[in-house]
Amino acid sequence: MKSVNEEIAMLRYQIQRYQAVKNGAKCQELNAKLRVLTQKQETAI
């Protein structure tokens, strides 16, 4: 199982790639997932 930090890094990379090809809908979806993961990480600390 991937660590939360690895998942966050992967999502940030994917968001950059989708922004580069102007795919706004996918960026919004991934940003929502990123927000959920960062909130989980902050509450776990």
Protein backbone atom coordinates (compact mmCIF):
# COMPACT_ATOMS: atom_id res chain seq x y z
CA MET A 1 0.00 0.00 0.00
CA LYS A 2 1.27 3.44 -0.92
CA SER A 3 1.93 5.97 1.76
CA VAL A 4 -0.20 9.10 1.84
CA ASN A 5 2.81 11.23 0.87
CA GLU A 6 3.39 9.12 -2.24
CA GLU A 7 -0.26 9.43 -3.23
CA ILE A 8 -0.17 13.20 -2.73
CA ALA A 9 2.96 13.48 -4.88
CA MET A 10 1.38 11.33 -7.59
CA LEU A 11 -1.80 13.42 -7.60
CA ARG A 12 0.16 16.68 -7.83
CA TYR A 13 2.09 15.30 -10.81
CA GLN A 14 -1.09 14.14 -12.55
CA ILE A 15 -2.74 17.53 -11.95
CA GLN A 16 0.21 19.26 -13.61
CA ARG A 17 0.01 16.93 -16.60
CA TYR A 18 -3.74 17.42 -17.05
CA GLN A 19 -3.34 21.20 -16.73
CA ALA A 20 -0.73 21.08 -19.47
CA VAL A 21 -3.24 19.49 -21.88
CA LYS A 22 -6.07 21.81 -20.74
CA ASN A 23 -8.24 19.06 -19.20
CA GLY A 24 -10.01 21.13 -16.55
CA ALA A 25 -12.59 18.54 -15.54
CA LYS A 26 -9.96 15.95 -14.67
CA CYS A 27 -7.94 18.59 -12.80
CA GLN A 28 -10.95 19.43 -10.65
CA GLU A 29 -11.54 15.76 -9.87
CA LEU A 30 -7.91 15.20 -8.90
CA ASN A 31 -7.80 18.41 -6.85
CA ALA A 32 -10.80 17.17 -4.87
CA LYS A 33 -8.99 13.90 -4.14
CA LEU A 34 -5.87 15.85 -3.19
CA ARG A 35 -7.83 18.00 -0.74
CA VAL A 36 -9.31 14.91 0.92
CA LEU A 37 -5.90 13.29 1.29
CA THR A 38 -4.26 16.42 2.69
CA GLN A 39 -7.08 16.81 5.19
CA LYS A 40 -6.65 13.19 6.28
CA GLN A 41 -2.92 13.73 6.64
CA GLU A 42 -3.41 16.89 8.72
CA THR A 43 -5.88 15.20 11.07
CA ALA A 44 -3.58 12.20 11.47
CA ILE A 45 -0.77 14.40 12.80
